Amino acid sequence: MSQRIYQDAILRISEQEQRTSLESSNIIADSYRMTSFLRELLAQMKQHVLMKGFTNKAEEIEFFRKVKPQILGKLMYYNRVYRVEISCPVAEGKCRQKYYSGELQLLKHEYQDQIVNSDFFRYYRSGRTDLDHEYFELGKINFDSGLDSYVFEIDSQFSTYYDYKVASIVASELMYSHLMSKIKPDFVEVPHDKEFYWSDSKNALIELLYALHAAHSISGGRVGIRKITAVLQVLFRIKLGDIHHAFHRMKVRGGSRTAFLDRLKTSLEEYMDKEAS
């Protein structure tokens, strides 16, 4: 029962994000809307956990290592986007670029100081799980290890302390992509050829272009993701917007992370079978 609730929560985030563009014209309203949505969703998850608890330790560890950090991390991310954008200079140009560059440097400093320089970060990044019972089970907080002061403010019935650490990693990486897209936007004017255009979703094309880039299928991998994006935007008459943010959402979405590529494979195999018959 709980697993279905967790999966449904992640799916609801994905669906809400599909309706959120974070483009310049509505970025403040969209980020505020996502912050409100995620705050309410996190409150619902807390109520469920406090009322129902966990079936076993494995479920508890999965919740605090994977489920809650996705919700909390994105809540932290969208809230920061809102705070950054609402204070951003209105006019385009050097002033705005300087503002975003300053925010990026601040983020890098925080990331290096608060996240990277820790044993837990190396543990988490390595994919290890042998200490999960210490990091992601309730009531296991070790105050002797010199924890950050906010540990005294967390709800020990709904936090292991390290779920917040993972959420901070998620939020920082998403924010990095957002700021980079503002400093070096992938904007390309699209020609008006009505007979040739991309008719699937933007996320599908982004998934495809990252796959081509990862496989070094274009120019032996010597062409960067931005150049591939620019070419495909012109070719298919589409503006993809913040591809880095979309890609990070794919990495943490529920179900298959390669939904479009899976569909391509199935469609091609069905087409081959039809041609052979």
Protein backbone atom coordinates (compact mmCIF):
# COMPACT_ATOMS: atom_id res chain seq x y z
CA MET A 1 0.00 0.00 0.00
CA SER A 2 2.72 2.46 1.01
CA GLN A 3 4.81 1.66 -2.07
CA ARG A 4 1.86 2.58 -4.29
CA ILE A 5 1.44 5.86 -2.39
CA TYR A 6 5.13 6.69 -2.84
CA GLN A 7 5.04 5.85 -6.56
CA ASP A 8 1.90 7.92 -6.99
CA ALA A 9 3.60 10.88 -5.29
CA ILE A 10 6.56 10.75 -7.68
CA LEU A 11 4.18 10.41 -10.64
CA ARG A 12 2.21 13.45 -9.48
CA ILE A 13 5.43 15.47 -9.37
CA SER A 14 6.27 14.41 -12.92
CA GLU A 15 2.80 15.34 -14.16
CA GLN A 16 2.94 18.72 -12.42
CA GLU A 17 6.37 19.40 -13.89
CA GLN A 18 5.07 18.62 -17.36
CA ARG A 19 2.81 21.65 -16.94
CA THR A 20 5.69 23.80 -15.66
CA SER A 21 7.94 25.45 -18.23
CA LEU A 22 10.14 27.77 -16.10
CA GLU A 23 10.47 29.98 -19.15
CA SER A 24 11.28 33.65 -18.59
CA SER A 25 7.73 34.91 -19.06
CA ASN A 26 6.18 32.89 -16.22
CA ILE A 27 9.11 31.53 -14.21
CA ILE A 28 8.17 33.30 -10.97
CA ALA A 29 4.55 32.11 -11.04
CA ASP A 30 5.52 28.57 -12.08
CA SER A 31 8.23 28.16 -9.45
CA TYR A 32 5.87 29.47 -6.76
CA ARG A 33 3.16 27.06 -7.93
CA MET A 34 5.58 24.11 -7.81
CA THR A 35 6.78 25.15 -4.35
CA SER A 36 3.22 25.20 -3.03
CA PHE A 37 2.42 21.87 -4.67
CA LEU A 38 5.52 20.14 -3.28
CA ARG A 39 5.06 21.61 0.19
CA GLU A 40 1.56 20.15 0.33
CA LEU A 41 2.75 16.81 -1.06
CA LEU A 42 5.51 16.59 1.53
CA ALA A 43 2.97 17.32 4.28
CA GLN A 44 0.80 14.47 2.97
CA MET A 45 3.78 12.09 3.00
CA LYS A 46 4.59 13.12 6.57
CA GLN A 47 1.02 12.50 7.69
CA HIS A 48 1.07 9.06 6.07
CA VAL A 49 4.38 8.08 7.67
CA LEU A 50 3.35 9.29 11.12
CA MET A 51 0.03 7.43 10.92
CA LYS A 52 1.07 4.22 9.15
CA GLY A 53 4.80 3.89 9.74
CA PHE A 54 6.76 1.42 7.61
CA THR A 55 6.17 -2.24 6.84
CA ASN A 56 9.85 -3.12 7.32
CA LYS A 57 13.32 -1.58 7.49
CA ALA A 58 13.88 -1.93 3.74
CA GLU A 59 10.84 0.24 3.03
CA GLU A 60 11.98 2.77 5.63
CA ILE A 61 15.45 3.02 4.08
CA GLU A 62 14.06 3.37 0.56
CA PHE A 63 11.73 6.15 1.67
CA PHE A 64 14.43 8.22 3.36
CA ARG A 65 17.11 7.52 0.74
CA LYS A 66 15.01 7.91 -2.42
CA VAL A 67 11.39 8.99 -2.02
CA LYS A 68 11.50 11.85 0.48
CA PRO A 69 14.72 13.40 -0.94
CA GLN A 70 13.09 13.63 -4.38
CA ILE A 71 10.14 15.54 -2.94
CA LEU A 72 12.12 17.67 -0.49
CA GLY A 73 14.98 18.26 -2.94
CA LYS A 74 12.66 19.59 -5.61
CA LEU A 75 10.81 21.67 -3.03
CA MET A 76 14.13 23.25 -2.05
CA TYR A 77 15.02 23.73 -5.71
CA TYR A 78 11.80 25.42 -6.82
CA ASN A 79 11.78 27.60 -3.72
CA ARG A 80 15.31 28.75 -4.53
CA VAL A 81 14.37 29.41 -8.15
CA TYR A 82 11.52 31.56 -6.89
CA ARG A 83 13.78 33.50 -4.52
CA VAL A 84 16.48 34.00 -7.17
CA GLU A 85 14.10 35.02 -9.94
CA ILE A 86 11.98 37.39 -7.87
CA SER A 87 15.16 39.35 -7.04
CA CYS A 88 16.58 39.20 -10.57
CA PRO A 89 17.15 42.47 -12.51
CA VAL A 90 14.33 42.94 -15.00
CA ALA A 91 16.40 44.19 -17.93
CA GLU A 92 18.30 41.79 -20.18
CA GLY A 93 22.04 42.25 -20.62
CA LYS A 94 25.23 42.33 -18.57
CA CYS A 95 23.51 43.24 -15.31
CA ARG A 96 21.35 40.12 -15.41
CA GLN A 97 24.25 37.91 -16.51
CA LYS A 98 26.32 39.23 -13.62
CA TYR A 99 23.46 38.49 -11.23
CA TYR A 100 23.11 34.87 -12.39
CA SER A 101 26.89 34.40 -12.35
CA GLY A 102 26.98 35.62 -8.75
CA GLU A 103 24.23 33.19 -7.78
CA LEU A 104 26.14 30.37 -9.49
CA GLN A 105 29.32 31.16 -7.57
CA LEU A 106 27.34 31.21 -4.32
CA LEU A 107 25.82 27.83 -5.16
CA LYS A 108 29.24 26.34 -5.98
CA HIS A 109 30.64 27.60 -2.68
CA GLU A 110 27.73 26.13 -0.72
CA TYR A 111 27.96 22.85 -2.60
CA GLN A 112 31.70 22.53 -1.97
CA ASP A 113 31.56 23.64 1.65
CA GLN A 114 28.40 21.92 2.86
CA ILE A 115 28.06 18.85 0.66
CA VAL A 116 31.16 17.69 -1.21
CA ASN A 117 33.56 17.90 1.75
CA SER A 118 31.87 15.15 3.73
CA ASP A 119 32.23 11.41 4.19
CA PHE A 120 28.51 10.99 3.58
CA PHE A 121 28.72 12.62 0.15
CA ARG A 122 31.45 10.19 -0.91
CA TYR A 123 29.42 7.30 0.51
CA TYR A 124 26.25 8.35 -1.32
CA ARG A 125 27.98 9.18 -4.61
CA SER A 126 29.80 5.84 -4.68
CA GLY A 127 26.47 4.01 -4.62
CA ARG A 128 27.31 2.16 -1.44
CA THR A 129 24.46 0.77 0.67
CA ASP A 130 26.30 -0.99 3.51
CA LEU A 131 25.71 1.90 5.95
CA ASP A 132 22.15 2.67 4.89
CA HIS A 133 20.87 1.26 8.17
CA GLU A 134 22.79 4.03 9.96
CA TYR A 135 22.00 6.86 7.57
CA PHE A 136 18.40 6.17 6.58
CA GLU A 137 16.65 4.62 9.58
CA LEU A 138 14.81 6.73 12.15
CA GLY A 139 16.36 7.12 15.57
CA LYS A 140 19.93 6.50 14.40
CA ILE A 141 21.23 10.10 14.45
CA ASN A 142 24.75 10.13 15.90
CA PHE A 143 25.24 13.52 17.55
CA ASP A 144 28.88 12.66 18.34
CA SER A 145 29.84 12.92 14.66
CA GLY A 146 29.62 16.73 14.56
CA LEU A 147 26.41 17.37 12.64
CA ASP A 148 25.07 20.66 11.32
CA SER A 149 23.06 22.69 13.83
CA TYR A 150 19.76 22.26 11.96
CA VAL A 151 19.75 18.66 13.21
CA PHE A 152 18.27 20.02 16.45
CA GLU A 153 15.29 21.45 14.58
CA ILE A 154 14.28 18.44 12.48
CA ASP A 155 11.36 16.19 13.34
CA SER A 156 13.03 12.96 14.44
CA GLN A 157 9.84 11.06 13.55
CA PHE A 158 10.09 12.14 9.92
CA SER A 159 13.80 12.65 9.30
CA THR A 160 17.03 10.72 9.67
CA TYR A 161 19.03 13.94 9.04
CA TYR A 162 20.71 12.37 6.02
CA ASP A 163 17.53 12.42 3.94
CA TYR A 164 17.97 16.21 4.09
CA LYS A 165 21.56 15.81 2.89
CA VAL A 166 20.43 13.83 -0.15
CA ALA A 167 17.69 16.38 -0.83
CA SER A 168 20.34 19.11 -0.74
CA ILE A 169 22.34 17.27 -3.40
CA VAL A 170 19.24 16.95 -5.61
CA ALA A 171 18.37 20.63 -5.16
CA SER A 172 21.92 21.86 -5.80
CA GLU A 173 22.32 19.90 -9.03
CA LEU A 174 18.97 21.10 -10.36
CA MET A 175 19.79 24.69 -9.41
CA TYR A 176 23.17 24.45 -11.12
CA SER A 177 21.47 23.43 -14.37
CA HIS A 178 18.95 26.25 -14.04
CA LEU A 179 21.59 28.92 -13.50
CA MET A 180 23.79 27.60 -16.32
CA SER A 181 20.84 27.77 -18.70
CA LYS A 182 20.37 31.42 -17.73
CA ILE A 183 24.02 32.31 -18.17
CA LYS A 184 24.38 30.41 -21.47
CA PRO A 185 20.87 30.08 -22.94
CA ASP A 186 20.26 27.61 -25.77
CA PHE A 187 18.02 29.94 -27.75
CA VAL A 188 17.77 29.51 -31.52
CA GLU A 189 15.36 31.20 -33.93
CA VAL A 190 13.29 28.55 -35.69
CA PRO A 191 12.55 28.79 -39.44
CA HIS A 192 8.93 28.78 -40.64
CA ASP A 193 8.79 25.53 -42.61
CA LYS A 194 5.38 24.07 -41.80
CA GLU A 195 5.94 20.67 -43.43
CA PHE A 196 8.84 19.48 -41.28
CA TYR A 197 8.55 19.64 -37.50
CA TRP A 198 8.87 17.60 -34.30
CA SER A 199 5.46 16.18 -33.43
CA ASP A 200 6.30 14.32 -30.21
CA SER A 201 6.89 15.88 -26.78
CA LYS A 202 9.83 18.14 -25.96
CA ASN A 203 10.98 15.67 -23.32
CA ALA A 204 11.08 12.93 -25.96
CA LEU A 205 13.44 14.96 -28.14
CA ILE A 206 15.60 15.89 -25.16
CA GLU A 207 15.85 12.20 -24.22
CA LEU A 208 16.88 11.40 -27.80
CA LEU A 209 19.51 14.12 -28.06
CA TYR A 210 21.10 13.09 -24.75
CA ALA A 211 21.16 9.47 -25.95
CA LEU A 212 22.91 10.52 -29.18
CA HIS A 213 25.38 12.58 -27.18
CA ALA A 214 26.07 9.81 -24.64
CA ALA A 215 26.64 7.24 -27.40
CA HIS A 216 29.02 9.58 -29.30
CA SER A 217 26.81 9.06 -32.35
CA ILE A 218 27.33 12.60 -33.69
CA SER A 219 30.82 13.62 -34.85
CA GLY A 220 32.39 10.93 -32.70
CA GLY A 221 31.25 12.66 -29.53
CA ARG A 222 33.30 15.78 -30.25
CA VAL A 223 30.18 17.97 -30.53
CA GLY A 224 28.78 19.28 -27.26
CA ILE A 225 25.22 18.89 -26.06
CA ARG A 226 24.51 22.57 -26.70
CA LYS A 227 25.47 22.34 -30.37
CA ILE A 228 23.35 19.21 -30.85
CA THR A 229 20.45 21.00 -29.17
CA ALA A 230 20.86 24.05 -31.39
CA VAL A 231 20.87 21.95 -34.57
CA LEU A 232 17.83 19.89 -33.59
CA GLN A 233 15.89 22.99 -32.57
CA VAL A 234 16.42 24.46 -36.03
CA LEU A 235 15.83 21.16 -37.82
CA PHE A 236 12.58 20.35 -36.03
CA ARG A 237 11.25 23.89 -35.52
CA ILE A 238 11.07 23.67 -31.75
CA LYS A 239 12.40 25.57 -28.74
CA LEU A 240 13.48 23.10 -26.07
CA GLY A 241 14.16 25.58 -23.28
CA ASP A 242 16.06 24.31 -20.22
CA ILE A 243 17.30 20.91 -21.43
CA HIS A 244 19.56 20.38 -18.41
CA HIS A 245 16.68 20.73 -15.97
CA ALA A 246 14.53 18.42 -18.11
CA PHE A 247 17.34 15.84 -18.16
CA HIS A 248 17.72 15.92 -14.38
CA ARG A 249 13.97 15.38 -14.04
CA MET A 250 14.28 12.32 -16.29
CA LYS A 251 16.99 10.86 -14.07
CA VAL A 252 14.72 10.84 -11.03
CA ARG A 253 11.31 10.25 -12.59
CA GLY A 254 9.25 7.20 -11.70
CA GLY A 255 9.04 4.21 -14.03
CA SER A 256 11.43 3.96 -16.96
CA ARG A 257 13.98 6.75 -17.22
CA THR A 258 14.20 6.11 -20.98
CA ALA A 259 10.48 6.01 -21.82
CA PHE A 260 10.85 7.50 -25.32
CA LEU A 261 13.78 5.27 -26.31
CA ASP A 262 11.85 2.25 -25.04
CA ARG A 263 8.90 3.29 -27.20
CA LEU A 264 11.18 3.78 -30.22
CA LYS A 265 12.56 0.26 -29.82
CA THR A 266 9.09 -1.26 -29.53
CA SER A 267 7.77 0.70 -32.52
CA LEU A 268 10.75 -0.29 -34.70
CA GLU A 269 10.44 -3.97 -33.80
CA GLU A 270 6.72 -3.91 -34.59
CA TYR A 271 7.44 -2.18 -37.90
CA MET A 272 10.10 -4.81 -38.74
CA ASP A 273 7.67 -7.61 -37.95
CA LYS A 274 5.03 -6.00 -40.15
CA GLU A 275 7.48 -5.61 -43.04
CA ALA A 276 8.58 -9.23 -42.70
CA SER A 277 5.03 -10.60 -42.85
